[in-house]
PDB file of N, CA and C in Angstrom:
ATOM      1  N   MET A   1     112.053  95.723 140.124  1.00  0.00           N
ATOM      2  CA  MET A   1     111.362  97.061 139.824  1.00  0.00           C
ATOM      3  C   MET A   1     110.019  97.210 140.331  1.00  0.00           C
ATOM      4  N   PRO A   2     109.680  98.235 141.062  1.00  0.00           N
ATOM      5  CA  PRO A   2     108.215  98.473 141.645  1.00  0.00           C
ATOM      6  C   PRO A   2     107.180  98.407 140.434  1.00  0.00           C
ATOM      7  N   GLN A   3     106.135  97.826 140.861  1.00  0.00           N
ATOM      8  CA  GLN A   3     104.996  97.675 139.918  1.00  0.00           C
ATOM      9  C   GLN A   3     104.621  99.059 139.131  1.00  0.00           C
ATOM     10  N   ILE A   4     104.648 100.111 139.818  1.00  0.00           N
ATOM     11  CA  ILE A   4     104.300 101.290 139.272  1.00  0.00           C
ATOM     12  C   ILE A   4     105.202 101.629 138.087  1.00  0.00           C
ATOM     13  N   LEU A   5     106.447 101.440 138.273  1.00  0.00           N
ATOM     14  CA  LEU A   5     107.396 101.797 137.236  1.00  0.00           C
ATOM     15  C   LEU A   5     107.248 100.812 135.951  1.00  0.00           C
ATOM     16  N   LEU A   6     106.928  99.475 136.356  1.00  0.00           N
ATOM     17  CA  LEU A   6     106.615  98.663 135.201  1.00  0.00           C
ATOM     18  C   LEU A   6     105.377  98.985 134.437  1.00  0.00           C
ATOM     19  N   VAL A   7     104.396  99.407 135.149  1.00  0.00           N
ATOM     20  CA  VAL A   7     103.255  99.829 134.413  1.00  0.00           C
ATOM     21  C   VAL A   7     103.504 101.175 133.630  1.00  0.00           C
ATOM     22  N   GLY A   8     104.216 102.050 134.180  1.00  0.00           N
ATOM     23  CA  GLY A   8     104.541 103.282 133.470  1.00  0.00           C
ATOM     24  C   GLY A   8     105.406 103.074 132.240  1.00  0.00           C
ATOM     25  N   CYS A   9     106.386 102.117 132.295  1.00  0.00           N
ATOM     26  CA  CYS A   9     107.198 101.870 131.210  1.00  0.00           C
ATOM     27  C   CYS A   9     106.329 101.108 130.111  1.00  0.00           C
ATOM     28  N   GLY A  10     105.392 100.247 130.622  1.00  0.00           N
ATOM     29  CA  GLY A  10     104.640  99.604 129.629  1.00  0.00           C
ATOM     30  C   GLY A  10     103.716 100.610 128.737  1.00  0.00           C
ATOM     31  N   THR A  11     103.159 101.615 129.676  1.00  0.00           N
ATOM     32  CA  THR A  11     102.348 102.646 129.147  1.00  0.00           C
ATOM     33  C   THR A  11     102.916 103.439 127.919  1.00  0.00           C
ATOM     34  N   ALA A  12     104.174 103.794 128.396  1.00  0.00           N
ATOM     35  CA  ALA A  12     105.049 104.529 127.395  1.00  0.00           C
ATOM     36  C   ALA A  12     105.347 103.723 126.109  1.00  0.00           C
ATOM     37  N   LEU A  13     105.607 102.579 126.178  1.00  0.00           N
ATOM     38  CA  LEU A  13     105.896 101.704 124.976  1.00  0.00           C
ATOM     39  C   LEU A  13     104.505 101.529 124.178  1.00  0.00           C
ATOM     40  N   GLY A  14     103.402 101.325 124.855  1.00  0.00           N
ATOM     41  CA  GLY A  14     102.071 101.198 124.201  1.00  0.00           C
ATOM     42  C   GLY A  14     101.839 102.424 123.466  1.00  0.00           C
ATOM     43  N   ALA A  15     101.929 103.690 124.084  1.00  0.00           N
ATOM     44  CA  ALA A  15     101.596 104.893 123.474  1.00  0.00           C
ATOM     45  C   ALA A  15     102.442 105.095 122.289  1.00  0.00           C
ATOM     46  N   LEU A  16     103.711 104.740 122.438  1.00  0.00           N
ATOM     47  CA  LEU A  16     104.713 104.915 121.258  1.00  0.00           C
ATOM     48  C   LEU A  16     104.261 104.149 120.142  1.00  0.00           C
ATOM     49  N   THR A  17     103.809 102.901 120.373  1.00  0.00           N
ATOM     50  CA  THR A  17     103.567 101.960 119.393  1.00  0.00           C
ATOM     51  C   THR A  17     102.148 102.454 118.661  1.00  0.00           C
ATOM     52  N   ARG A  18     101.290 102.938 119.476  1.00  0.00           N
ATOM     53  CA  ARG A  18      99.954 103.428 118.931  1.00  0.00           C
ATOM     54  C   ARG A  18     100.363 104.523 118.018  1.00  0.00           C
ATOM     55  N   PHE A  19     101.218 105.554 118.365  1.00  0.00           N
ATOM     56  CA  PHE A  19     101.660 106.550 117.590  1.00  0.00           C
ATOM     57  C   PHE A  19     102.252 106.127 116.361  1.00  0.00           C
ATOM     58  N   VAL A  20     103.159 105.138 116.396  1.00  0.00           N
ATOM     59  CA  VAL A  20     103.750 104.815 115.143  1.00  0.00           C
ATOM     60  C   VAL A  20     102.828 104.193 114.124  1.00  0.00           C
ATOM     61  N   LEU A  21     101.950 103.222 114.687  1.00  0.00           N
ATOM     62  CA  LEU A  21     101.068 102.606 113.856  1.00  0.00           C
ATOM     63  C   LEU A  21      99.978 103.662 113.188  1.00  0.00           C
ATOM     64  N   THR A  22      99.441 104.522 114.103  1.00  0.00           N
ATOM     65  CA  THR A  22      98.447 105.481 113.619  1.00  0.00           C
ATOM     66  C   THR A  22      99.246 106.324 112.406  1.00  0.00           C
ATOM     67  N   THR A  23     100.436 106.759 112.633  1.00  0.00           N
ATOM     68  CA  THR A  23     101.098 107.540 111.586  1.00  0.00           C
ATOM     69  C   THR A  23     101.363 106.562 110.352  1.00  0.00           C
ATOM     70  N   LEU A  24     101.699 105.368 110.492  1.00  0.00           N
ATOM     71  CA  LEU A  24     101.934 104.614 109.327  1.00  0.00           C
ATOM     72  C   LEU A  24     100.684 104.347 108.534  1.00  0.00           C
ATOM     73  N   LEU A  25      99.559 104.282 109.274  1.00  0.00           N
ATOM     74  CA  LEU A  25      98.208 104.070 108.608  1.00  0.00           C
ATOM     75  C   LEU A  25      97.460 105.268 108.245  1.00  0.00           C
ATOM     76  N   GLY A  26      98.168 106.430 108.301  1.00  0.00           N
ATOM     77  CA  GLY A  26      97.655 107.669 107.866  1.00  0.00           C
ATOM     78  C   GLY A  26      96.816 108.428 108.820  1.00  0.00           C
ATOM     79  N   GLY A  27      96.789 108.107 110.177  1.00  0.00           N
ATOM     80  CA  GLY A  27      96.041 108.885 110.953  1.00  0.00           C
ATOM     81  C   GLY A  27      94.497 108.755 110.766  1.00  0.00           C
ATOM     82  N   GLY A  28      93.849 109.451 111.637  1.00  0.00           N
ATOM     83  CA  GLY A  28      92.329 109.590 111.612  1.00  0.00           C
ATOM     84  C   GLY A  28      91.604 108.393 112.450  1.00  0.00           C
ATOM     85  N   ALA A  29      90.316 108.471 112.163  1.00  0.00           N
ATOM     86  CA  ALA A  29      89.423 107.620 113.122  1.00  0.00           C
ATOM     87  C   ALA A  29      89.558 106.057 112.830  1.00  0.00           C
ATOM     88  N   LEU A  30      89.792 105.677 111.629  1.00  0.00           N
ATOM     89  CA  LEU A  30      89.827 104.251 111.338  1.00  0.00           C
ATOM     90  C   LEU A  30      90.977 103.485 111.984  1.00  0.00           C
ATOM     91  N   PRO A  31      92.274 104.073 111.888  1.00  0.00           N
ATOM     92  CA  PRO A  31      93.378 103.442 112.532  1.00  0.00           C
ATOM     93  C   PRO A  31      93.303 103.325 114.031  1.00  0.00           C
ATOM     94  N   LEU A  32      92.832 104.466 114.659  1.00  0.00           N
ATOM     95  CA  LEU A  32      92.437 104.418 115.978  1.00  0.00           C
ATOM     96  C   LEU A  32      91.463 103.332 116.418  1.00  0.00           C
ATOM     97  N   LEU A  33      90.352 103.239 115.602  1.00  0.00           N
ATOM     98  CA  LEU A  33      89.454 102.137 115.942  1.00  0.00           C
ATOM     99  C   LEU A  33      89.939 100.736 115.859  1.00  0.00           C
ATOM    100  N   LEU A  34      90.811 100.590 114.733  1.00  0.00           N
ATOM    101  CA  LEU A  34      91.441  99.181 114.623  1.00  0.00           C
ATOM    102  C   LEU A  34      92.362  98.968 115.747  1.00  0.00           C
ATOM    103  N   ILE A  35      93.197  99.969 116.072  1.00  0.00           N
ATOM    104  CA  ILE A  35      94.144  99.790 117.271  1.00  0.00           C
ATOM    105  C   ILE A  35      93.257  99.491 118.667  1.00  0.00           C
ATOM    106  N   ASN A  36      92.165 100.105 118.889  1.00  0.00           N
ATOM    107  CA  ASN A  36      91.459  99.774 120.112  1.00  0.00           C
ATOM    108  C   ASN A  36      90.843  98.478 119.997  1.00  0.00           C
ATOM    109  N   VAL A  37      90.324  98.140 118.812  1.00  0.00           N
ATOM    110  CA  VAL A  37      89.716  96.738 118.695  1.00  0.00           C
ATOM    111  C   VAL A  37      90.873  95.632 118.872  1.00  0.00           C
ATOM    112  N   LEU A  38      92.063  95.896 118.196  1.00  0.00           N
ATOM    113  CA  LEU A  38      93.005  94.906 118.272  1.00  0.00           C
ATOM    114  C   LEU A  38      93.561  94.719 119.800  1.00  0.00           C
ATOM    115  N   GLY A  39      93.716  95.995 120.570  1.00  0.00           N
ATOM    116  CA  GLY A  39      94.178  95.945 121.798  1.00  0.00           C
ATOM    117  C   GLY A  39      93.063  95.139 122.701  1.00  0.00           C
ATOM    118  N   SER A  40      91.842  95.341 122.468  1.00  0.00           N
ATOM    119  CA  SER A  40      90.869  94.641 123.363  1.00  0.00           C
ATOM    120  C   SER A  40      90.847  93.251 123.095  1.00  0.00           C
ATOM    121  N   ALA A  41      91.096  92.822 121.878  1.00  0.00           N
ATOM    122  CA  ALA A  41      91.190  91.372 121.581  1.00  0.00           C
ATOM    123  C   ALA A  41      92.409  90.611 122.274  1.00  0.00           C
ATOM    124  N   VAL A  42      93.498  91.370 122.212  1.00  0.00           N
ATOM    125  CA  VAL A  42      94.700  90.889 122.950  1.00  0.00           C
ATOM    126  C   VAL A  42      94.447  90.836 124.440  1.00  0.00           C
ATOM    127  N   MET A  43      93.709  91.750 125.007  1.00  0.00           N
ATOM    128  CA  MET A  43      93.538  91.793 126.469  1.00  0.00           C
ATOM    129  C   MET A  43      92.606  90.614 126.766  1.00  0.00           C
ATOM    130  N   GLY A  44      91.511  90.361 125.887  1.00  0.00           N
ATOM    131  CA  GLY A  44      90.743  89.394 126.206  1.00  0.00           C
ATOM    132  C   GLY A  44      91.297  87.904 126.005  1.00  0.00           C
ATOM    133  N   TYR A  45      92.220  87.912 125.098  1.00  0.00           N
ATOM    134  CA  TYR A  45      92.906  86.479 124.767  1.00  0.00           C
ATOM    135  C   TYR A  45      93.979  86.066 125.951  1.00  0.00           C
ATOM    136  N   ALA A  46      94.759  87.200 126.050  1.00  0.00           N
ATOM    137  CA  ALA A  46      96.062  86.859 126.881  1.00  0.00           C
ATOM    138  C   ALA A  46      95.837  87.271 128.378  1.00  0.00           C
ATOM    139  N   LYS A  47      94.785  88.130 128.787  1.00  0.00           N
ATOM    140  CA  LYS A  47      94.714  88.611 130.119  1.00  0.00           C
ATOM    141  C   LYS A  47      96.048  88.739 130.646  1.00  0.00           C
ATOM    142  N   PRO A  48      96.827  89.600 130.140  1.00  0.00           N
ATOM    143  CA  PRO A  48      98.253  89.877 130.560  1.00  0.00           C
ATOM    144  C   PRO A  48      98.395  90.451 131.913  1.00  0.00           C
ATOM    145  N   PRO A  49      99.586  90.322 132.521  1.00  0.00           N
ATOM    146  CA  PRO A  49      99.966  90.961 133.712  1.00  0.00           C
ATOM    147  C   PRO A  49     100.067  92.486 133.582  1.00  0.00           C
ATOM    148  N   ALA A  50     100.407  93.197 134.673  1.00  0.00           N
ATOM    149  CA  ALA A  50     100.299  94.653 134.776  1.00  0.00           C
ATOM    150  C   ALA A  50     101.198  95.335 133.721  1.00  0.00           C
ATOM    151  N   PHE A  51     102.418  94.874 133.415  1.00  0.00           N
ATOM    152  CA  PHE A  51     103.284  95.647 132.460  1.00  0.00           C
ATOM    153  C   PHE A  51     102.560  95.560 131.164  1.00  0.00           C
ATOM    154  N   TRP A  52     102.117  94.440 130.652  1.00  0.00           N
ATOM    155  CA  TRP A  52     101.463  94.262 129.303  1.00  0.00           C
ATOM    156  C   TRP A  52      99.999  94.751 129.287  1.00  0.00           C
ATOM    157  N   GLY A  53      99.307  94.396 130.342  1.00  0.00           N
ATOM    158  CA  GLY A  53      97.938  94.720 130.314  1.00  0.00           C
ATOM    159  C   GLY A  53      97.460  96.257 130.522  1.00  0.00           C
ATOM    160  N   THR A  54      97.547  96.541 132.037  1.00  0.00           N
ATOM    161  CA  THR A  54      97.337  98.079 132.287  1.00  0.00           C
ATOM    162  C   THR A  54      98.515  99.027 131.634  1.00  0.00           C
ATOM    163  N   GLY A  55      99.606  98.525 131.533  1.00  0.00           N
ATOM    164  CA  GLY A  55     100.759  99.223 130.914  1.00  0.00           C
ATOM    165  C   GLY A  55     100.536  99.384 129.541  1.00  0.00           C
ATOM    166  N   PHE A  56     101.138  98.411 128.737  1.00  0.00           N
ATOM    167  CA  PHE A  56     101.370  98.520 127.384  1.00  0.00           C
ATOM    168  C   PHE A  56      99.856  98.628 126.604  1.00  0.00           C
ATOM    169  N   LEU A  57      98.997  97.784 126.955  1.00  0.00           N
ATOM    170  CA  LEU A  57      97.695  97.812 126.269  1.00  0.00           C
ATOM    171  C   LEU A  57      96.957  99.020 126.731  1.00  0.00           C
ATOM    172  N   GLY A  58      97.069  99.469 127.999  1.00  0.00           N
ATOM    173  CA  GLY A  58      96.352 100.741 128.360  1.00  0.00           C
ATOM    174  C   GLY A  58      96.966 101.905 127.426  1.00  0.00           C
ATOM    175  N   GLY A  59      98.216 102.056 127.252  1.00  0.00           N
ATOM    176  CA  GLY A  59      98.817 103.038 126.494  1.00  0.00           C
ATOM    177  C   GLY A  59      98.355 102.844 124.938  1.00  0.00           C
ATOM    178  N   PHE A  60      98.453 101.638 124.509  1.00  0.00           N
ATOM    179  CA  PHE A  60      98.095 101.431 123.150  1.00  0.00           C
ATOM    180  C   PHE A  60      96.703 101.716 122.617  1.00  0.00           C
ATOM    181  N   THR A  61      95.776 101.397 123.647  1.00  0.00           N
ATOM    182  CA  THR A  61      94.458 101.731 123.331  1.00  0.00           C
ATOM    183  C   THR A  61      93.851 103.067 124.020  1.00  0.00           C
ATOM    184  N   SER A  62      94.710 104.033 124.008  1.00  0.00           N
ATOM    185  CA  SER A  62      94.279 105.340 124.741  1.00  0.00           C
ATOM    186  C   SER A  62      92.950 105.937 124.623  1.00  0.00           C
ATOM    187  N   PHE A  63      92.312 106.046 125.592  1.00  0.00           N
ATOM    188  CA  PHE A  63      90.953 106.657 125.678  1.00  0.00           C
ATOM    189  C   PHE A  63      91.123 108.093 125.382  1.00  0.00           C
ATOM    190  N   ALA A  64      92.103 108.756 125.742  1.00  0.00           N
ATOM    191  CA  ALA A  64      92.283 110.148 125.472  1.00  0.00           C
ATOM    192  C   ALA A  64      92.392 110.430 124.031  1.00  0.00           C
ATOM    193  N   ALA A  65      93.111 109.696 123.251  1.00  0.00           N
ATOM    194  CA  ALA A  65      93.010 109.906 121.773  1.00  0.00           C
ATOM    195  C   ALA A  65      91.770 109.691 121.161  1.00  0.00           C
ATOM    196  N   PHE A  66      91.081 108.580 121.621  1.00  0.00           N
ATOM    197  CA  PHE A  66      89.573 108.290 121.288  1.00  0.00           C
ATOM    198  C   PHE A  66      88.657 109.578 121.432  1.00  0.00           C
ATOM    199  N   ALA A  67      88.796 109.971 122.784  1.00  0.00           N
ATOM    200  CA  ALA A  67      87.935 111.210 123.061  1.00  0.00           C
ATOM    201  C   ALA A  67      88.340 112.346 122.347  1.00  0.00           C
ATOM    202  N   PHE A  68      89.542 112.732 122.080  1.00  0.00           N
ATOM    203  CA  PHE A  68      89.967 113.945 121.388  1.00  0.00           C
ATOM    204  C   PHE A  68      89.391 113.773 119.894  1.00  0.00           C
ATOM    205  N   LEU A  69      89.663 112.600 119.409  1.00  0.00           N
ATOM    206  CA  LEU A  69      89.285 112.455 117.952  1.00  0.00           C
ATOM    207  C   LEU A  69      87.670 112.606 117.671  1.00  0.00           C
ATOM    208  N   THR A  70      87.051 111.902 118.738  1.00  0.00           N
ATOM    209  CA  THR A  70      85.533 111.912 118.636  1.00  0.00           C
ATOM    210  C   THR A  70      84.952 113.417 118.712  1.00  0.00           C
ATOM    211  N   SER A  71      85.657 114.260 119.642  1.00  0.00           N
ATOM    212  CA  SER A  71      85.192 115.553 119.755  1.00  0.00           C
ATOM    213  C   SER A  71      85.315 116.488 118.549  1.00  0.00           C
ATOM    214  N   CYS A  72      85.999 115.985 117.474  1.00  0.00           N
ATOM    215  CA  CYS A  72      86.143 116.630 116.279  1.00  0.00           C
ATOM    216  C   CYS A  72      85.006 116.329 115.312  1.00  0.00           C
ATOM    217  N   PHE A  73      84.214 115.412 115.585  1.00  0.00           N
ATOM    218  CA  PHE A  73      83.243 114.901 114.555  1.00  0.00           C
ATOM    219  C   PHE A  73      81.793 115.597 114.927  1.00  0.00           C
ATOM    220  N   SER A  74      81.023 115.594 113.887  1.00  0.00           N
ATOM    221  CA  SER A  74      79.635 116.060 114.003  1.00  0.00           C
ATOM    222  C   SER A  74      78.958 115.184 114.981  1.00  0.00           C
ATOM    223  N   PRO A  75      77.796 115.551 115.641  1.00  0.00           N
ATOM    224  CA  PRO A  75      77.069 114.584 116.592  1.00  0.00           C
ATOM    225  C   PRO A  75      76.796 113.325 115.975  1.00  0.00           C
ATOM    226  N   ALA A  76      76.324 113.196 114.846  1.00  0.00           N
ATOM    227  CA  ALA A  76      75.909 111.901 114.204  1.00  0.00           C
ATOM    228  C   ALA A  76      77.297 111.056 113.899  1.00  0.00           C
ATOM    229  N   GLN A  77      78.255 111.735 113.577  1.00  0.00           N
ATOM    230  CA  GLN A  77      79.596 110.966 113.278  1.00  0.00           C
ATOM    231  C   GLN A  77      80.094 110.478 114.625  1.00  0.00           C
ATOM    232  N   ALA A  78      80.080 111.334 115.649  1.00  0.00           N
ATOM    233  CA  ALA A  78      80.527 111.159 117.040  1.00  0.00           C
ATOM    234  C   ALA A  78      79.759 109.835 117.541  1.00  0.00           C
ATOM    235  N   GLY A  79      78.462 109.801 117.445  1.00  0.00           N
ATOM    236  CA  GLY A  79      77.623 108.725 117.863  1.00  0.00           C
ATOM    237  C   GLY A  79      77.934 107.491 117.236  1.00  0.00           C
ATOM    238  N   ALA A  80      78.147 107.486 115.863  1.00  0.00           N
ATOM    239  CA  ALA A  80      78.374 106.204 115.180  1.00  0.00           C
ATOM    240  C   ALA A  80      79.795 105.719 115.503  1.00  0.00           C
ATOM    241  N   TYR A  81      80.826 106.648 115.709  1.00  0.00           N
ATOM    242  CA  TYR A  81      82.018 106.188 116.039  1.00  0.00           C
ATOM    243  C   TYR A  81      82.122 105.584 117.479  1.00  0.00           C
ATOM    244  N   VAL A  82      81.429 106.200 118.479  1.00  0.00           N
ATOM    245  CA  VAL A  82      81.394 105.724 119.877  1.00  0.00           C
ATOM    246  C   VAL A  82      80.609 104.328 119.756  1.00  0.00           C
ATOM    247  N   LEU A  83      79.577 104.132 119.148  1.00  0.00           N
ATOM    248  CA  LEU A  83      78.978 102.850 118.982  1.00  0.00           C
ATOM    249  C   LEU A  83      79.839 101.775 118.335  1.00  0.00           C
ATOM    250  N   ALA A  84      80.553 102.253 117.213  1.00  0.00           N
ATOM    251  CA  ALA A  84      81.487 101.284 116.537  1.00  0.00           C
ATOM    252  C   ALA A  84      82.592 100.981 117.565  1.00  0.00           C
ATOM    253  N   THR A  85      83.052 101.729 118.351  1.00  0.00           N
ATOM    254  CA  THR A  85      84.184 101.486 119.272  1.00  0.00           C
ATOM    255  C   THR A  85      83.640 100.520 120.443  1.00  0.00           C
ATOM    256  N   VAL A  86      82.645 100.926 120.955  1.00  0.00           N
ATOM    257  CA  VAL A  86      81.939 100.168 122.138  1.00  0.00           C
ATOM    258  C   VAL A  86      81.706  98.694 121.614  1.00  0.00           C
ATOM    259  N   VAL A  87      80.968  98.659 120.511  1.00  0.00           N
ATOM    260  CA  VAL A  87      80.719  97.251 120.000  1.00  0.00           C
ATOM    261  C   VAL A  87      81.846  96.559 119.596  1.00  0.00           C
ATOM    262  N   GLY A  88      82.797  97.175 118.902  1.00  0.00           N
ATOM    263  CA  GLY A  88      83.987  96.537 118.321  1.00  0.00           C
ATOM    264  C   GLY A  88      84.885  96.059 119.446  1.00  0.00           C
ATOM    265  N   CYS A  89      85.122  96.984 120.495  1.00  0.00           N
ATOM    266  CA  CYS A  89      86.069  96.660 121.369  1.00  0.00           C
ATOM    267  C   CYS A  89      85.507  95.529 122.370  1.00  0.00           C
ATOM    268  N   THR A  90      84.276  95.576 122.769  1.00  0.00           N
ATOM    269  CA  THR A  90      83.607  94.711 123.637  1.00  0.00           C
ATOM    270  C   THR A  90      83.677  93.290 122.887  1.00  0.00           C
ATOM    271  N   GLY A  91      83.191  93.350 121.593  1.00  0.00           N
ATOM    272  CA  GLY A  91      83.126  92.209 120.831  1.00  0.00           C
ATOM    273  C   GLY A  91      84.513  91.431 120.631  1.00  0.00           C
ATOM    274  N   ALA A  92      85.529  92.310 120.360  1.00  0.00           N
ATOM    275  CA  ALA A  92      86.822  91.759 120.229  1.00  0.00           C
ATOM    276  C   ALA A  92      87.364  91.096 121.556  1.00  0.00           C
ATOM    277  N   TYR A  93      87.061  91.793 122.755  1.00  0.00           N
ATOM    278  CA  TYR A  93      87.554  91.219 123.828  1.00  0.00           C
ATOM    279  C   TYR A  93      86.807  89.899 124.210  1.00  0.00           C
ATOM    280  N   LEU A  94      85.577  89.750 123.813  1.00  0.00           N
ATOM    281  CA  LEU A  94      84.826  88.533 124.106  1.00  0.00           C
ATOM    282  C   LEU A  94      85.349  87.387 123.182  1.00  0.00           C
ATOM    283  N   ILE A  95      85.602  87.835 121.983  1.00  0.00           N
ATOM    284  CA  ILE A  95      86.194  86.875 121.057  1.00  0.00           C
ATOM    285  C   ILE A  95      87.501  86.347 121.463  1.00  0.00           C
ATOM    286  N   GLY A  96      88.308  87.324 121.930  1.00  0.00           N
ATOM    287  CA  GLY A  96      89.727  86.910 122.467  1.00  0.00           C
ATOM    288  C   GLY A  96      89.537  85.896 123.617  1.00  0.00           C
ATOM    289  N   ASP A  97      88.554  86.274 124.605  1.00  0.00           N
ATOM    290  CA  ASP A  97      88.359  85.511 125.738  1.00  0.00           C
ATOM    291  C   ASP A  97      87.898  84.191 125.329  1.00  0.00           C
ATOM    292  N   ARG A  98      87.076  84.014 124.342  1.00  0.00           N
ATOM    293  CA  ARG A  98      86.422  82.739 123.872  1.00  0.00           C
ATOM    294  C   ARG A  98      87.569  81.884 123.347  1.00  0.00           C
ATOM    295  N   LEU A  99      88.403  82.543 122.367  1.00  0.00           N
ATOM    296  CA  LEU A  99      89.547  81.829 121.842  1.00  0.00           C
ATOM    297  C   LEU A  99      90.490  81.192 122.907  1.00  0.00           C
ATOM    298  N   GLN A 100      90.774  82.087 123.938  1.00  0.00           N
ATOM    299  CA  GLN A 100      91.559  81.491 125.048  1.00  0.00           C
ATOM    300  C   GLN A 100      90.998  80.302 125.690  1.00  0.00           C
ATOM    301  N   ASP A 101      89.647  80.346 125.885  1.00  0.00           N
ATOM    302  CA  ASP A 101      88.894  79.268 126.618  1.00  0.00           C
ATOM    303  C   ASP A 101      89.141  77.964 125.761  1.00  0.00           C
ATOM    304  N   ARG A 102      88.896  78.163 124.489  1.00  0.00           N
ATOM    305  CA  ARG A 102      88.966  76.938 123.563  1.00  0.00           C
ATOM    306  C   ARG A 102      90.369  76.376 123.531  1.00  0.00           C
ATOM    307  N   ARG A 103      91.370  77.404 123.669  1.00  0.00           N
ATOM    308  CA  ARG A 103      92.727  76.927 123.450  1.00  0.00           C
ATOM    309  C   ARG A 103      93.067  76.041 124.767  1.00  0.00           C
ATOM    310  N   HIS A 104      92.471  76.279 125.950  1.00  0.00           N
ATOM    311  CA  HIS A 104      92.807  75.544 127.073  1.00  0.00           C
ATOM    312  C   HIS A 104      91.711  74.486 127.414  1.00  0.00           C
ATOM    313  N   ALA A 105      90.827  74.271 126.495  1.00  0.00           N
ATOM    314  CA  ALA A 105      89.847  73.245 126.706  1.00  0.00           C
ATOM    315  C   ALA A 105      90.223  71.871 126.342  1.00  0.00           C
TER     316      ALA A 105
END
């Protein structure tokens, strides 16, 4: 199967998974933040190939959903949420990366 189809299928599965988890968790900002942080940690730890990385995790941690949700906040809330997302996701990626390094050391 061509790489583009693998990434597309992974993206669809990731978006569906994000939708189901967000729905189960009641929607809103916190579930999306948790999903984005979790996806970043998995990306840092696993460094997965295209289907799982660009595809599934790309769809799972959708920036479009983050941007839409943030646009509904007041400026102060939006700033705090953006900061929490950037710090949380970057930190989660780095922690996942560090755990992977320790696992192979």
